[in-house]
C-alpha atoms as a PDB file:
ATOM      1  CA  MET A   1      -3.216  -3.180 -16.441  1.00  0.00           C
ATOM      2  CA  SER A   2       0.984  -2.173 -15.415  1.00  0.00           C
ATOM      3  CA  VAL A   3       1.969   0.931 -15.961  1.00  0.00           C
ATOM      4  CA  VAL A   4       5.089   2.316 -16.892  1.00  0.00           C
ATOM      5  CA  ARG A   5       5.421   6.240 -16.640  1.00  0.00           C
ATOM      6  CA  SER A   6       9.216   7.870 -18.518  1.00  0.00           C
ATOM      7  CA  ASP A   7       9.526  11.681 -17.599  1.00  0.00           C
ATOM      8  CA  SER A   8      10.364  14.108 -20.255  1.00  0.00           C
ATOM      9  CA  PHE A   9      14.037  12.998 -20.872  1.00  0.00           C
ATOM     10  CA  GLY A  10      12.218   9.482 -22.034  1.00  0.00           C
ATOM     11  CA  THR A  11      13.372   7.360 -18.309  1.00  0.00           C
ATOM     12  CA  VAL A  12      11.622   4.478 -17.910  1.00  0.00           C
ATOM     13  CA  ASN A  13      10.321   4.188 -14.308  1.00  0.00           C
ATOM     14  CA  THR A  14       9.273   1.430 -12.765  1.00  0.00           C
ATOM     15  CA  PRO A  15       5.166   1.139 -12.090  1.00  0.00           C
ATOM     16  CA  SER A  16       3.640   2.014  -9.212  1.00  0.00           C
ATOM     17  CA  LEU A  17       2.303  -0.237  -6.462  1.00  0.00           C
ATOM     18  CA  ALA A  18      -1.553   1.804  -8.056  1.00  0.00           C
ATOM     19  CA  ASP A  19      -0.484   0.438 -11.269  1.00  0.00           C
ATOM     20  CA  LEU A  20       1.541  -2.905  -9.507  1.00  0.00           C
ATOM     21  CA  LEU A  21      -2.039  -4.247  -6.854  1.00  0.00           C
ATOM     22  CA  GLU A  22      -5.633  -5.168  -7.054  1.00  0.00           C
ATOM     23  CA  PRO A  23      -7.437  -4.199  -5.146  1.00  0.00           C
ATOM     24  CA  MET A  24      -7.489  -5.963  -2.120  1.00  0.00           C
ATOM     25  CA  GLU A  25      -3.244  -6.205  -2.288  1.00  0.00           C
ATOM     26  CA  PHE A  26      -3.291  -2.621  -2.138  1.00  0.00           C
ATOM     27  CA  LYS A  27      -6.061  -2.487   0.056  1.00  0.00           C
ATOM     28  CA  ALA A  28      -4.064  -4.712   2.493  1.00  0.00           C
ATOM     29  CA  MET A  29      -0.904  -2.900   2.317  1.00  0.00           C
ATOM     30  CA  LEU A  30      -2.783   0.587   3.382  1.00  0.00           C
ATOM     31  CA  LEU A  31      -3.899  -1.482   6.000  1.00  0.00           C
ATOM     32  CA  VAL A  32       0.040  -2.828   6.863  1.00  0.00           C
ATOM     33  CA  THR A  33       1.289   1.365   6.675  1.00  0.00           C
ATOM     34  CA  CYS A  34      -1.668   1.891   9.160  1.00  0.00           C
ATOM     35  CA  GLY A  35       0.500  -0.662  11.917  1.00  0.00           C
ATOM     36  CA  LEU A  36      -2.194  -3.498  11.539  1.00  0.00           C
ATOM     37  CA  GLN A  37      -1.125  -6.565  11.899  1.00  0.00           C
ATOM     38  CA  ASN A  38      -2.155  -9.722   8.980  1.00  0.00           C
ATOM     39  CA  HIS A  39      -5.084 -10.710  12.073  1.00  0.00           C
ATOM     40  CA  GLN A  40      -6.075  -6.879  11.733  1.00  0.00           C
ATOM     41  CA  ILE A  41      -5.710  -6.832   8.452  1.00  0.00           C
ATOM     42  CA  ALA A  42      -8.163 -10.323   7.644  1.00  0.00           C
ATOM     43  CA  GLN A  43     -10.783  -8.592  10.738  1.00  0.00           C
ATOM     44  CA  CYS A  44     -10.373  -5.306   8.055  1.00  0.00           C
ATOM     45  CA  LEU A  45     -11.189  -6.931   5.264  1.00  0.00           C
ATOM     46  CA  GLY A  46     -13.254  -9.411   5.769  1.00  0.00           C
ATOM     47  CA  THR A  47     -10.917 -12.622   5.427  1.00  0.00           C
ATOM     48  CA  THR A  48      -9.148 -14.315   7.487  1.00  0.00           C
ATOM     49  CA  GLU A  49      -5.046 -14.288   8.456  1.00  0.00           C
ATOM     50  CA  GLN A  50      -3.641 -17.145   5.773  1.00  0.00           C
ATOM     51  CA  THR A  51      -5.261 -15.139   3.222  1.00  0.00           C
ATOM     52  CA  ILE A  52      -3.908 -12.052   4.074  1.00  0.00           C
ATOM     53  CA  ARG A  53       0.024 -14.426   4.257  1.00  0.00           C
ATOM     54  CA  THR A  54      -0.841 -14.372   0.793  1.00  0.00           C
ATOM     55  CA  VAL A  55      -2.005 -11.872  -0.361  1.00  0.00           C
ATOM     56  CA  LEU A  56       1.390  -9.926   1.576  1.00  0.00           C
ATOM     57  CA  TRP A  57       3.272 -12.399   0.115  1.00  0.00           C
ATOM     58  CA  LYS A  58       2.002 -12.160  -3.171  1.00  0.00           C
ATOM     59  CA  SER A  59       2.006  -8.179  -3.380  1.00  0.00           C
ATOM     60  CA  TYR A  60       5.901  -8.555  -1.989  1.00  0.00           C
ATOM     61  CA  LYS A  61       6.647 -10.889  -5.327  1.00  0.00           C
ATOM     62  CA  LEU A  62       4.538  -8.202  -7.466  1.00  0.00           C
ATOM     63  CA  THR A  63       6.428  -5.123  -5.881  1.00  0.00           C
ATOM     64  CA  GLY A  64       9.864  -6.294  -5.617  1.00  0.00           C
ATOM     65  CA  CYS A  65       9.823  -6.245  -1.697  1.00  0.00           C
ATOM     66  CA  LEU A  66      11.570  -8.274   0.688  1.00  0.00           C
ATOM     67  CA  ASN A  67       8.898  -8.020   3.706  1.00  0.00           C
ATOM     68  CA  SER A  68       6.545  -5.600   4.907  1.00  0.00           C
ATOM     69  CA  ASP A  69       9.027  -2.570   6.380  1.00  0.00           C
ATOM     70  CA  GLU A  70      10.537  -2.729   2.049  1.00  0.00           C
ATOM     71  CA  LEU A  71       7.023  -1.951   1.163  1.00  0.00           C
ATOM     72  CA  VAL A  72       5.853   0.723   3.367  1.00  0.00           C
ATOM     73  CA  ARG A  73       8.791   2.131   2.617  1.00  0.00           C
ATOM     74  CA  ARG A  74       8.228   2.113  -1.064  1.00  0.00           C
ATOM     75  CA  TYR A  75       4.604   3.174  -0.584  1.00  0.00           C
ATOM     76  CA  PHE A  76       6.116   6.060   1.812  1.00  0.00           C
ATOM     77  CA  ARG A  77       8.816   7.108  -1.060  1.00  0.00           C
ATOM     78  CA  GLU A  78       6.014   7.422  -3.561  1.00  0.00           C
ATOM     79  CA  VAL A  79       3.440   9.037  -1.568  1.00  0.00           C
ATOM     80  CA  ALA A  80       6.414  11.672  -1.393  1.00  0.00           C
ATOM     81  CA  SER A  81       8.080  11.578  -5.189  1.00  0.00           C
ATOM     82  CA  GLY A  82       3.584  11.985  -5.316  1.00  0.00           C
ATOM     83  CA  LEU A  83       3.305   8.911  -8.174  1.00  0.00           C
ATOM     84  CA  LEU A  84       0.257   8.046  -5.821  1.00  0.00           C
ATOM     85  CA  GLU A  85      -2.394  10.275  -5.995  1.00  0.00           C
ATOM     86  CA  LEU A  86      -3.280  11.341  -2.160  1.00  0.00           C
ATOM     87  CA  GLY A  87      -6.561  11.360  -2.445  1.00  0.00           C
ATOM     88  CA  ARG A  88      -7.017   8.439  -3.590  1.00  0.00           C
ATOM     89  CA  LEU A  89      -5.147   7.140  -0.810  1.00  0.00           C
ATOM     90  CA  GLN A  90      -7.770   8.761   1.429  1.00  0.00           C
ATOM     91  CA  ARG A  91     -10.455   8.149   0.084  1.00  0.00           C
ATOM     92  CA  GLU A  92      -9.153   4.105   0.634  1.00  0.00           C
ATOM     93  CA  LEU A  93      -8.846   4.368   4.171  1.00  0.00           C
ATOM     94  CA  ALA A  94     -11.986   6.236   4.328  1.00  0.00           C
ATOM     95  CA  GLU A  95     -13.540   3.063   2.754  1.00  0.00           C
ATOM     96  CA  LEU A  96     -11.980   0.794   5.296  1.00  0.00           C
ATOM     97  CA  GLU A  97     -13.129   3.017   8.547  1.00  0.00           C
ATOM     98  CA  THR A  98     -16.818   3.505   7.939  1.00  0.00           C
ATOM     99  CA  ARG A  99     -16.346  -0.772   6.716  1.00  0.00           C
ATOM    100  CA  THR A 100     -14.481  -1.310   9.768  1.00  0.00           C
ATOM    101  CA  GLY A 101     -15.741   1.107  12.288  1.00  0.00           C
ATOM    102  CA  GLN A 102     -12.366   2.135  13.333  1.00  0.00           C
ATOM    103  CA  ILE A 103     -10.185   5.131  12.760  1.00  0.00           C
ATOM    104  CA  LEU A 104      -7.156   4.447  10.729  1.00  0.00           C
ATOM    105  CA  ASP A 105      -4.040   6.879  10.664  1.00  0.00           C
ATOM    106  CA  ARG A 106      -3.671   9.110   7.400  1.00  0.00           C
ATOM    107  CA  ARG A 107      -1.104  10.677   8.001  1.00  0.00           C
ATOM    108  CA  PRO A 108       1.457   9.218   6.145  1.00  0.00           C
ATOM    109  CA  GLU A 109       3.597  11.209   7.017  1.00  0.00           C
ATOM    110  CA  SER A 110       3.772  10.139  10.036  1.00  0.00           C
ATOM    111  CA  HIS A 111       4.322   7.147  10.151  1.00  0.00           C
ATOM    112  CA  SER A 112       7.176   8.054   7.566  1.00  0.00           C
ATOM    113  CA  PRO A 113      10.340   5.497   8.439  1.00  0.00           C
ATOM    114  CA  HIS A 114      13.637   6.318   7.910  1.00  0.00           C
ATOM    115  CA  ILE A 115      14.815   6.277   3.741  1.00  0.00           C
ATOM    116  CA  HIS A 116      17.805   5.986   3.013  1.00  0.00           C
END
């Protein structure tokens, strides 16, 4: 379900990534932000690399991003602005770590691309 937010002045803001993406799309996006490649994401989520390509393509379409770089930049902007709840992101990553046995970087600022 898409949620449109507005500020105290009535300015409408676009829906957040959490509002736009389905659970599989959101998890794939989180793993992209951790620097994983499609085949690694597929392993983590128990699916095929082709499925991940499809999931990410749908994510780009839903968010208006052209590629993973733009999706990652949007993710970090939303984290920095408080639009994405950091607690939820940490819980999602902990669940993925438990499932895969991999340690994922939970510090988004350590990988934050330069945002213009």
